[in-house]
Amino acid sequence: MIDNDDPEPRKPEPPDPGDCCGGGCVRCVFDVYEDAMERYLAALAAWQARHPDTQVSK
């Protein structure tokens, strides 16, 4: 059973290919997404450690 006070982290939505302007920005939307995915995966691993008997949503 999932604790409502500790919900499973939500996976970030990837940017659409058209979201990138192609201008070589220092912080491209794809860089921001990659950082968000790293934070998500760390949060998910911590959440799974707290809820070892719970299946992860896909």
C-alpha atoms as a PDB file:
ATOM      1  CA  MET A   1       0.000   0.000   0.000  1.00  0.00           C
ATOM      2  CA  ILE A   2       1.345   3.435  -0.940  1.00  0.00           C
ATOM      3  CA  ASP A   3       1.538   6.086   1.759  1.00  0.00           C
ATOM      4  CA  ASN A   4      -0.301   9.218   0.577  1.00  0.00           C
ATOM      5  CA  ASP A   5       2.206  11.334   2.510  1.00  0.00           C
ATOM      6  CA  ASP A   6       5.052   9.871   0.431  1.00  0.00           C
ATOM      7  CA  PRO A   7       3.848   9.597  -3.181  1.00  0.00           C
ATOM      8  CA  GLU A   8       5.945   8.044  -5.921  1.00  0.00           C
ATOM      9  CA  PRO A   9       8.034  10.672  -7.743  1.00  0.00           C
ATOM     10  CA  ARG A  10       6.650  11.742 -11.112  1.00  0.00           C
ATOM     11  CA  LYS A  11       8.787  11.264 -14.195  1.00  0.00           C
ATOM     12  CA  PRO A  12       9.444  14.553 -16.005  1.00  0.00           C
ATOM     13  CA  GLU A  13       7.949  15.033 -19.457  1.00  0.00           C
ATOM     14  CA  PRO A  14      10.550  15.147 -22.228  1.00  0.00           C
ATOM     15  CA  PRO A  15      10.674  18.280 -24.326  1.00  0.00           C
ATOM     16  CA  ASP A  16       9.290  18.164 -27.831  1.00  0.00           C
ATOM     17  CA  PRO A  17      11.956  18.266 -30.567  1.00  0.00           C
ATOM     18  CA  GLY A  18      10.590  21.660 -31.613  1.00  0.00           C
ATOM     19  CA  ASP A  19      11.213  23.073 -28.121  1.00  0.00           C
ATOM     20  CA  CYS A  20      14.934  23.383 -28.933  1.00  0.00           C
ATOM     21  CA  CYS A  21      15.763  26.492 -30.941  1.00  0.00           C
ATOM     22  CA  GLY A  22      18.951  24.945 -32.339  1.00  0.00           C
ATOM     23  CA  GLY A  23      20.937  28.008 -31.291  1.00  0.00           C
ATOM     24  CA  GLY A  24      23.455  26.174 -29.098  1.00  0.00           C
ATOM     25  CA  CYS A  25      22.098  27.625 -25.860  1.00  0.00           C
ATOM     26  CA  VAL A  26      24.208  27.066 -22.763  1.00  0.00           C
ATOM     27  CA  ARG A  27      21.143  25.573 -21.025  1.00  0.00           C
ATOM     28  CA  CYS A  28      19.229  23.839 -23.799  1.00  0.00           C
ATOM     29  CA  VAL A  29      15.815  22.422 -22.952  1.00  0.00           C
ATOM     30  CA  PHE A  30      17.340  18.967 -23.418  1.00  0.00           C
ATOM     31  CA  ASP A  31      20.010  19.772 -20.786  1.00  0.00           C
ATOM     32  CA  VAL A  32      17.280  20.886 -18.395  1.00  0.00           C
ATOM     33  CA  TYR A  33      15.363  17.656 -19.075  1.00  0.00           C
ATOM     34  CA  GLU A  34      18.486  15.547 -18.501  1.00  0.00           C
ATOM     35  CA  ASP A  35      19.041  17.254 -15.140  1.00  0.00           C
ATOM     36  CA  ALA A  36      15.385  16.681 -14.235  1.00  0.00           C
ATOM     37  CA  MET A  37      15.714  12.994 -15.147  1.00  0.00           C
ATOM     38  CA  GLU A  38      18.786  12.627 -12.926  1.00  0.00           C
ATOM     39  CA  ARG A  39      16.887  14.183  -9.999  1.00  0.00           C
ATOM     40  CA  TYR A  40      13.883  11.960 -10.752  1.00  0.00           C
ATOM     41  CA  LEU A  41      15.963   8.772 -10.830  1.00  0.00           C
ATOM     42  CA  ALA A  42      17.637   9.662  -7.528  1.00  0.00           C
ATOM     43  CA  ALA A  43      14.270  10.465  -5.948  1.00  0.00           C
ATOM     44  CA  LEU A  44      12.779   7.254  -7.349  1.00  0.00           C
ATOM     45  CA  ALA A  45      15.622   5.142  -5.944  1.00  0.00           C
ATOM     46  CA  ALA A  46      15.158   6.746  -2.520  1.00  0.00           C
ATOM     47  CA  TRP A  47      11.387   6.248  -2.720  1.00  0.00           C
ATOM     48  CA  GLN A  48      11.823   2.584  -3.725  1.00  0.00           C
ATOM     49  CA  ALA A  49      14.119   2.063  -0.736  1.00  0.00           C
ATOM     50  CA  ARG A  50      11.345   3.388   1.512  1.00  0.00           C
ATOM     51  CA  HIS A  51       8.700   1.254  -0.261  1.00  0.00           C
ATOM     52  CA  PRO A  52      10.450  -2.010  -1.166  1.00  0.00           C
ATOM     53  CA  ASP A  53       7.248  -3.982  -1.738  1.00  0.00           C
ATOM     54  CA  THR A  54       5.713  -1.478  -4.174  1.00  0.00           C
ATOM     55  CA  GLN A  55       5.796  -1.850  -7.948  1.00  0.00           C
ATOM     56  CA  VAL A  56       6.961   1.277  -9.794  1.00  0.00           C
ATOM     57  CA  SER A  57       4.548   2.844 -12.275  1.00  0.00           C
ATOM     58  CA  LYS A  58       5.715   2.951 -15.858  1.00  0.00           C
END
